[in-house]
């Protein structure tokens, strides 16, 4: 483990979240870095349309998180 990573892991959770946000912002500024394949873009578009047509269908984030915690 590098010293930088060890230093980051010693920070508080809120400080680490700020760092993650800053890193993500720097990555997302470059669209080429986060480009999607046409297949992935179509899948996301289809799911967005399905949600717009049936906004009450599916699970809330809290329900999903609860299921994940049970599995692990």
C-alpha atoms as a PDB file:
ATOM      1  CA  UNK A   1       0.000   0.000   0.000  1.00  0.00           C
ATOM      2  CA  UNK A   2       1.375   3.398  -0.930  1.00  0.00           C
ATOM      3  CA  UNK A   3       1.929   6.088   1.664  1.00  0.00           C
ATOM      4  CA  UNK A   4      -0.637   8.346  -0.020  1.00  0.00           C
ATOM      5  CA  UNK A   5      -3.297   5.651   0.225  1.00  0.00           C
ATOM      6  CA  UNK A   6      -2.427   4.963   3.850  1.00  0.00           C
ATOM      7  CA  UNK A   7      -2.687   8.692   4.627  1.00  0.00           C
ATOM      8  CA  UNK A   8      -6.089   8.841   2.951  1.00  0.00           C
ATOM      9  CA  UNK A   9      -7.348   5.829   4.903  1.00  0.00           C
ATOM     10  CA  UNK A  10      -6.372   7.589   8.122  1.00  0.00           C
ATOM     11  CA  UNK A  11      -8.718  10.504   7.328  1.00  0.00           C
ATOM     12  CA  UNK A  12     -12.268  10.731   8.626  1.00  0.00           C
ATOM     13  CA  UNK A  13     -15.086   9.352   6.494  1.00  0.00           C
ATOM     14  CA  UNK A  14     -16.274  12.848   5.578  1.00  0.00           C
ATOM     15  CA  UNK A  15     -12.759  13.846   4.478  1.00  0.00           C
ATOM     16  CA  UNK A  16     -12.463  10.686   2.364  1.00  0.00           C
ATOM     17  CA  UNK A  17     -15.827  11.393   0.738  1.00  0.00           C
ATOM     18  CA  UNK A  18     -14.607  14.876  -0.210  1.00  0.00           C
ATOM     19  CA  UNK A  19     -11.518  13.333  -1.800  1.00  0.00           C
ATOM     20  CA  UNK A  20     -13.596  10.765  -3.707  1.00  0.00           C
ATOM     21  CA  UNK A  21     -15.867  13.525  -4.999  1.00  0.00           C
ATOM     22  CA  UNK A  22     -12.878  15.574  -6.123  1.00  0.00           C
ATOM     23  CA  UNK A  23     -11.350  12.577  -7.887  1.00  0.00           C
ATOM     24  CA  UNK A  24     -14.640  11.715  -9.600  1.00  0.00           C
ATOM     25  CA  UNK A  25     -15.136  15.330 -10.695  1.00  0.00           C
ATOM     26  CA  UNK A  26     -11.663  15.359 -12.231  1.00  0.00           C
ATOM     27  CA  UNK A  27     -12.405  12.115 -14.111  1.00  0.00           C
ATOM     28  CA  UNK A  28     -15.865  13.133 -15.302  1.00  0.00           C
ATOM     29  CA  UNK A  29     -14.553  16.416 -16.733  1.00  0.00           C
ATOM     30  CA  UNK A  30     -12.995  14.342 -19.502  1.00  0.00           C
ATOM     31  CA  UNK A  31     -15.903  12.721 -21.378  1.00  0.00           C
ATOM     32  CA  UNK A  32     -13.578  10.364 -23.227  1.00  0.00           C
ATOM     33  CA  UNK A  33     -12.575   8.775 -19.929  1.00  0.00           C
ATOM     34  CA  UNK A  34     -16.147   7.828 -19.072  1.00  0.00           C
ATOM     35  CA  UNK A  35     -17.510   7.075 -22.516  1.00  0.00           C
ATOM     36  CA  UNK A  36     -20.201   4.438 -22.854  1.00  0.00           C
ATOM     37  CA  UNK A  37     -20.581   1.821 -25.521  1.00  0.00           C
ATOM     38  CA  UNK A  38     -23.656   2.155 -27.710  1.00  0.00           C
ATOM     39  CA  UNK A  39     -25.033  -1.022 -26.123  1.00  0.00           C
ATOM     40  CA  UNK A  40     -24.642   0.386 -22.601  1.00  0.00           C
ATOM     41  CA  UNK A  41     -26.108   3.736 -23.631  1.00  0.00           C
ATOM     42  CA  UNK A  42     -29.144   1.964 -25.133  1.00  0.00           C
ATOM     43  CA  UNK A  43     -29.607  -0.142 -22.001  1.00  0.00           C
ATOM     44  CA  UNK A  44     -29.559   2.969 -19.812  1.00  0.00           C
ATOM     45  CA  UNK A  45     -31.984   4.759 -22.142  1.00  0.00           C
ATOM     46  CA  UNK A  46     -34.339   1.759 -22.048  1.00  0.00           C
ATOM     47  CA  UNK A  47     -34.234   1.631 -18.255  1.00  0.00           C
ATOM     48  CA  UNK A  48     -34.870   5.368 -17.989  1.00  0.00           C
ATOM     49  CA  UNK A  49     -37.912   5.066 -20.272  1.00  0.00           C
ATOM     50  CA  UNK A  50     -39.183   2.082 -18.247  1.00  0.00           C
ATOM     51  CA  UNK A  51     -38.835   4.115 -15.053  1.00  0.00           C
ATOM     52  CA  UNK A  52     -40.581   7.130 -16.570  1.00  0.00           C
ATOM     53  CA  UNK A  53     -43.457   4.886 -17.682  1.00  0.00           C
ATOM     54  CA  UNK A  54     -43.726   3.156 -14.270  1.00  0.00           C
ATOM     55  CA  UNK A  55     -42.094   5.368 -11.610  1.00  0.00           C
ATOM     56  CA  UNK A  56     -43.537   3.361  -8.678  1.00  0.00           C
ATOM     57  CA  UNK A  57     -42.230   0.038  -9.929  1.00  0.00           C
ATOM     58  CA  UNK A  58     -38.964  -1.319  -8.577  1.00  0.00           C
ATOM     59  CA  UNK A  59     -37.203  -0.939  -5.253  1.00  0.00           C
ATOM     60  CA  UNK A  60     -36.118   2.077  -3.266  1.00  0.00           C
ATOM     61  CA  UNK A  61     -32.453   2.580  -2.440  1.00  0.00           C
ATOM     62  CA  UNK A  62     -33.185   1.651   1.190  1.00  0.00           C
ATOM     63  CA  UNK A  63     -34.739  -1.671   0.105  1.00  0.00           C
ATOM     64  CA  UNK A  64     -31.814  -2.471  -2.173  1.00  0.00           C
ATOM     65  CA  UNK A  65     -29.271  -1.560   0.485  1.00  0.00           C
ATOM     66  CA  UNK A  66     -31.064  -3.743   3.009  1.00  0.00           C
ATOM     67  CA  UNK A  67     -30.994  -6.743   0.647  1.00  0.00           C
ATOM     68  CA  UNK A  68     -27.289  -6.231  -0.022  1.00  0.00           C
ATOM     69  CA  UNK A  69     -26.488  -6.078   3.698  1.00  0.00           C
ATOM     70  CA  UNK A  70     -28.376  -9.318   4.310  1.00  0.00           C
ATOM     71  CA  UNK A  71     -26.345 -11.115   1.626  1.00  0.00           C
ATOM     72  CA  UNK A  72     -23.027 -10.055   3.083  1.00  0.00           C
END
